[in-house]
Amino acid sequence: MCAAYAHELPRYGLKVGLTNYAAAYCVGLLLARRHLTNLGMAQLYQGKDVTDGEDYNVFEDQERDDEARNPFRCVLDVGLARTSTGARIFSVMKGACDGGLDIPHSTSRLAGYDSETKSFSAETLRNYLFGGNIAEYMRSLQEESEEKYKRQFSKYIAAGIGADDIEKLYESAHSAIRQNPAAQKRTPSVPEGEKPKRYNQQRLSYAQRKDKIRQKLASAAKKKQ
């Protein structure tokens, strides 16, 4: 019914780190807001305005009119994705929940959950959702080796993004996604009027196949002579 991709995030100001935990949250948020907009339910279910890492369920949180439409319920299908605690697929799920979709879940697979104490830290999750772990690593690597830092974070440096800019970068992306979640039509790579390149062999007609066989038999007959 709807799709969202990480390669769309540069539209919302996030041009680097498109595969990390915080970016996965942005993809989930984008999917939820886009889907609810398409269904005409974006205003009815606006989700969680403040990303604080706290558990959120739109069905339990929001008081509704009995005649209003129910929240859109989804079931998370992880497919072949890794499902250990802290996996990015659950960050996508968290973004979709905060975006206003009703997805049955628990906090046991989100970053911030401690399996030993069976406790969940919303503050730790928030740190991950805003790239705090990336900022900490940037600072430690910069102190350890300037050369390694420049090599590993070359795209961040080229974009003028430092460790202190990470949180604001994701705050801005969350806001931009909520303002305009609609999908953008891609410009065709082939100019109008030109045929696109074919990378597979064109299917021959029956007459062409018979002619190809005839040519092969004639060529074999000449070789025998």
Protein backbone atom coordinates (compact mmCIF):
# COMPACT_ATOMS: atom_id res chain seq x y z
CA MET A 1 0.00 0.00 0.00
CA CYS A 2 2.90 2.35 0.66
CA ALA A 3 6.70 2.37 0.66
CA ALA A 4 9.54 4.57 1.90
CA TYR A 5 13.28 4.30 1.31
CA ALA A 6 16.46 5.60 2.90
CA HIS A 7 17.62 7.06 -0.42
CA GLU A 8 14.76 9.58 -0.08
CA LEU A 9 16.20 11.06 3.12
CA PRO A 10 18.52 13.58 1.36
CA ARG A 11 15.32 15.43 0.41
CA TYR A 12 14.85 16.06 4.14
CA GLY A 13 18.37 17.29 4.78
CA LEU A 14 19.91 13.94 5.74
CA LYS A 15 22.60 13.42 3.12
CA VAL A 16 25.01 11.19 5.07
CA GLY A 17 24.69 8.07 7.23
CA LEU A 18 21.64 6.66 5.46
CA THR A 19 22.10 3.15 6.87
CA ASN A 20 22.49 3.79 10.60
CA TYR A 21 20.00 3.35 13.46
CA ALA A 22 18.85 6.96 13.46
CA ALA A 23 18.27 6.96 9.69
CA ALA A 24 16.22 3.76 10.02
CA TYR A 25 13.94 5.60 12.45
CA CYS A 26 13.51 8.37 9.87
CA VAL A 27 12.47 5.82 7.24
CA GLY A 28 9.80 4.42 9.57
CA LEU A 29 8.54 7.91 10.40
CA LEU A 30 8.41 8.80 6.71
CA LEU A 31 6.47 5.63 5.90
CA ALA A 32 3.88 6.26 8.61
CA ARG A 33 3.28 9.90 7.76
CA ARG A 34 3.11 9.16 4.02
CA HIS A 35 0.68 6.28 4.44
CA LEU A 36 -1.65 8.16 6.78
CA THR A 37 -1.57 11.16 4.43
CA ASN A 38 -2.57 8.92 1.52
CA LEU A 39 -5.48 7.56 3.59
CA GLY A 40 -6.59 11.03 4.70
CA MET A 41 -5.83 10.19 8.35
CA ALA A 42 -2.73 12.33 8.90
CA GLN A 43 -4.54 14.95 10.98
CA LEU A 44 -6.52 12.38 12.94
CA TYR A 45 -3.43 10.42 14.00
CA GLN A 46 -0.40 12.68 14.21
CA GLY A 47 1.64 10.29 16.31
CA LYS A 48 4.24 11.35 18.85
CA ASP A 49 5.33 14.94 18.35
CA VAL A 50 8.39 14.70 20.60
CA THR A 51 10.96 11.98 19.96
CA ASP A 52 12.00 11.15 23.51
CA GLY A 53 12.50 7.39 23.27
CA GLU A 54 9.49 6.59 25.45
CA ASP A 55 7.27 3.70 24.36
CA TYR A 56 4.29 4.88 22.34
CA ASN A 57 1.12 3.30 21.01
CA VAL A 58 -1.27 5.50 19.06
CA PHE A 59 -4.27 3.29 19.86
CA GLU A 60 -3.76 3.55 23.63
CA ASP A 61 -2.49 7.11 23.69
CA GLN A 62 -5.09 9.06 21.78
CA GLU A 63 -8.65 9.76 22.88
CA ARG A 64 -10.96 9.46 19.92
CA ASP A 65 -14.53 10.02 18.97
CA ASP A 66 -16.43 6.73 18.74
CA GLU A 67 -17.41 7.59 15.18
CA ALA A 68 -13.83 8.34 14.10
CA ARG A 69 -11.81 5.93 11.99
CA ASN A 70 -9.70 3.44 13.89
CA PRO A 71 -5.90 3.73 13.71
CA PHE A 72 -4.31 1.85 10.85
CA ARG A 73 -2.99 -1.41 12.31
CA CYS A 74 0.13 -3.05 10.90
CA VAL A 75 1.97 -6.27 11.67
CA LEU A 76 5.75 -6.16 11.54
CA ASP A 77 7.16 -8.76 9.13
CA VAL A 78 10.93 -8.84 9.61
CA GLY A 79 11.56 -11.30 6.79
CA LEU A 80 15.25 -12.26 6.80
CA ALA A 81 16.35 -9.23 8.82
CA ARG A 82 18.38 -9.69 12.01
CA THR A 83 16.12 -9.62 15.06
CA SER A 84 18.54 -9.24 17.96
CA THR A 85 18.17 -6.32 20.39
CA GLY A 86 19.29 -3.10 18.73
CA ALA A 87 18.66 -4.26 15.16
CA ARG A 88 17.75 -1.46 12.76
CA ILE A 89 14.49 -3.11 11.67
CA PHE A 90 13.09 -2.28 15.11
CA SER A 91 14.21 1.32 14.75
CA VAL A 92 12.08 1.48 11.58
CA MET A 93 9.20 0.03 13.59
CA LYS A 94 9.68 2.66 16.32
CA GLY A 95 9.60 5.43 13.72
CA ALA A 96 6.39 4.03 12.23
CA CYS A 97 4.79 3.81 15.69
CA ASP A 98 5.78 7.38 16.55
CA GLY A 99 4.46 8.41 13.14
CA GLY A 100 0.93 7.28 14.03
CA LEU A 101 0.62 3.65 12.92
CA ASP A 102 -0.70 1.03 15.32
CA ILE A 103 1.92 -1.74 15.47
CA PRO A 104 1.79 -4.31 18.30
CA HIS A 105 5.25 -4.41 19.86
CA SER A 106 7.32 -4.40 23.03
CA THR A 107 10.50 -2.56 24.00
CA SER A 108 12.55 -5.74 24.38
CA ARG A 109 14.23 -5.39 20.98
CA LEU A 110 14.82 -1.64 20.99
CA ALA A 111 18.17 -0.08 21.76
CA GLY A 112 18.14 0.78 25.45
CA TYR A 113 16.72 -2.54 26.64
CA ASP A 114 18.89 -4.48 29.12
CA SER A 115 18.22 -8.23 28.92
CA GLU A 116 19.96 -8.87 32.25
CA THR A 117 17.94 -6.43 34.34
CA LYS A 118 14.85 -6.65 32.08
CA SER A 119 14.70 -2.86 32.09
CA PHE A 120 14.29 -0.32 29.31
CA SER A 121 16.00 3.07 29.16
CA ALA A 122 14.14 5.61 27.03
CA GLU A 123 17.07 8.00 27.39
CA THR A 124 19.44 5.48 25.78
CA LEU A 125 17.03 4.90 22.92
CA ARG A 126 16.66 8.63 22.37
CA ASN A 127 20.44 8.93 22.20
CA TYR A 128 20.48 6.37 19.36
CA LEU A 129 17.53 7.94 17.52
CA PHE A 130 19.38 11.24 17.34
CA GLY A 131 22.73 9.72 16.37
CA GLY A 132 24.29 10.24 19.79
CA ASN A 133 26.29 7.03 19.43
CA ILE A 134 27.71 8.32 16.13
CA ALA A 135 28.65 11.67 17.68
CA GLU A 136 30.42 9.92 20.57
CA TYR A 137 32.38 7.73 18.17
CA MET A 138 33.32 10.76 16.06
CA ARG A 139 34.75 12.51 19.10
CA SER A 140 36.65 9.48 20.36
CA LEU A 141 38.09 8.69 16.91
CA GLN A 142 39.12 12.31 16.40
CA GLU A 143 41.04 12.24 19.66
CA GLU A 144 42.57 8.84 18.89
CA SER A 145 43.64 9.43 15.29
CA GLU A 146 42.91 12.44 13.08
CA GLU A 147 43.83 10.41 10.02
CA LYS A 148 41.33 7.63 10.78
CA TYR A 149 38.68 10.21 11.58
CA LYS A 150 39.12 11.96 8.24
CA ARG A 151 39.06 8.66 6.38
CA GLN A 152 36.00 7.18 8.09
CA PHE A 153 33.93 10.38 8.26
CA SER A 154 35.06 11.96 5.00
CA LYS A 155 31.46 12.43 3.78
CA TYR A 156 30.47 14.12 7.05
CA ILE A 157 33.47 16.43 6.81
CA ALA A 158 32.70 17.26 3.16
CA ALA A 159 29.11 18.11 4.19
CA GLY A 160 30.38 20.30 7.04
CA ILE A 161 28.84 18.09 9.72
CA GLY A 162 30.64 17.68 13.04
CA ALA A 163 29.82 15.71 16.17
CA ASP A 164 27.96 18.68 17.67
CA ASP A 165 25.72 18.98 14.60
CA ILE A 166 24.38 15.40 14.58
CA GLU A 167 21.39 15.85 16.90
CA LYS A 168 20.18 19.02 15.17
CA LEU A 169 20.52 17.25 11.83
CA TYR A 170 18.06 14.53 12.85
CA GLU A 171 15.72 16.98 14.58
CA SER A 172 15.52 18.91 11.33
CA ALA A 173 14.92 15.71 9.33
CA HIS A 174 12.04 14.64 11.61
CA SER A 175 10.41 18.04 11.23
CA ALA A 176 10.85 18.10 7.44
CA ILE A 177 9.38 14.60 7.09
CA ARG A 178 6.26 15.62 9.00
CA GLN A 179 5.83 18.75 6.89
CA ASN A 180 5.95 16.98 3.53
CA PRO A 181 5.96 13.16 3.56
CA ALA A 182 4.61 12.80 0.01
CA ALA A 183 6.63 10.72 -2.44
CA GLN A 184 8.41 12.61 -5.18
CA LYS A 185 8.12 11.42 -8.75
CA ARG A 186 11.49 10.49 -10.22
CA THR A 187 12.60 12.12 -13.47
CA PRO A 188 13.02 9.48 -16.20
CA SER A 189 16.69 8.86 -16.96
CA VAL A 190 15.90 8.33 -20.67
CA PRO A 191 14.85 11.50 -22.55
CA GLU A 192 11.33 11.52 -23.94
CA GLY A 193 11.17 9.99 -27.41
CA GLU A 194 14.21 7.74 -26.94
CA LYS A 195 13.94 4.01 -26.30
CA PRO A 196 15.57 2.73 -23.09
CA LYS A 197 18.54 0.37 -23.40
CA ARG A 198 17.82 -3.33 -23.29
CA TYR A 199 20.05 -5.50 -21.13
CA ASN A 200 18.30 -8.79 -21.92
CA GLN A 201 18.09 -10.62 -25.22
CA GLN A 202 15.05 -9.76 -27.29
CA ARG A 203 12.65 -12.67 -27.79
CA LEU A 204 12.65 -14.00 -31.36
CA SER A 205 9.47 -14.76 -33.27
CA TYR A 206 8.68 -18.24 -34.60
CA ALA A 207 9.74 -17.25 -38.12
CA GLN A 208 13.01 -15.79 -36.84
CA ARG A 209 13.81 -18.95 -34.90
CA LYS A 210 13.15 -21.15 -37.97
CA ASP A 211 15.35 -18.88 -40.08
CA LYS A 212 18.14 -19.06 -37.47
CA ILE A 213 18.02 -22.89 -37.56
CA ARG A 214 18.06 -22.86 -41.38
CA GLN A 215 21.17 -20.66 -41.37
CA LYS A 216 22.96 -22.97 -38.91
CA LEU A 217 22.15 -26.06 -41.03
CA ALA A 218 23.35 -24.31 -44.17
CA SER A 219 26.58 -23.26 -42.44
CA ALA A 220 27.19 -26.82 -41.21
CA ALA A 221 26.59 -28.21 -44.70
CA LYS A 222 29.20 -25.85 -46.21
CA LYS A 223 31.79 -26.94 -43.62
CA LYS A 224 31.28 -30.61 -44.55
CA GLN A 225 31.91 -29.82 -48.24
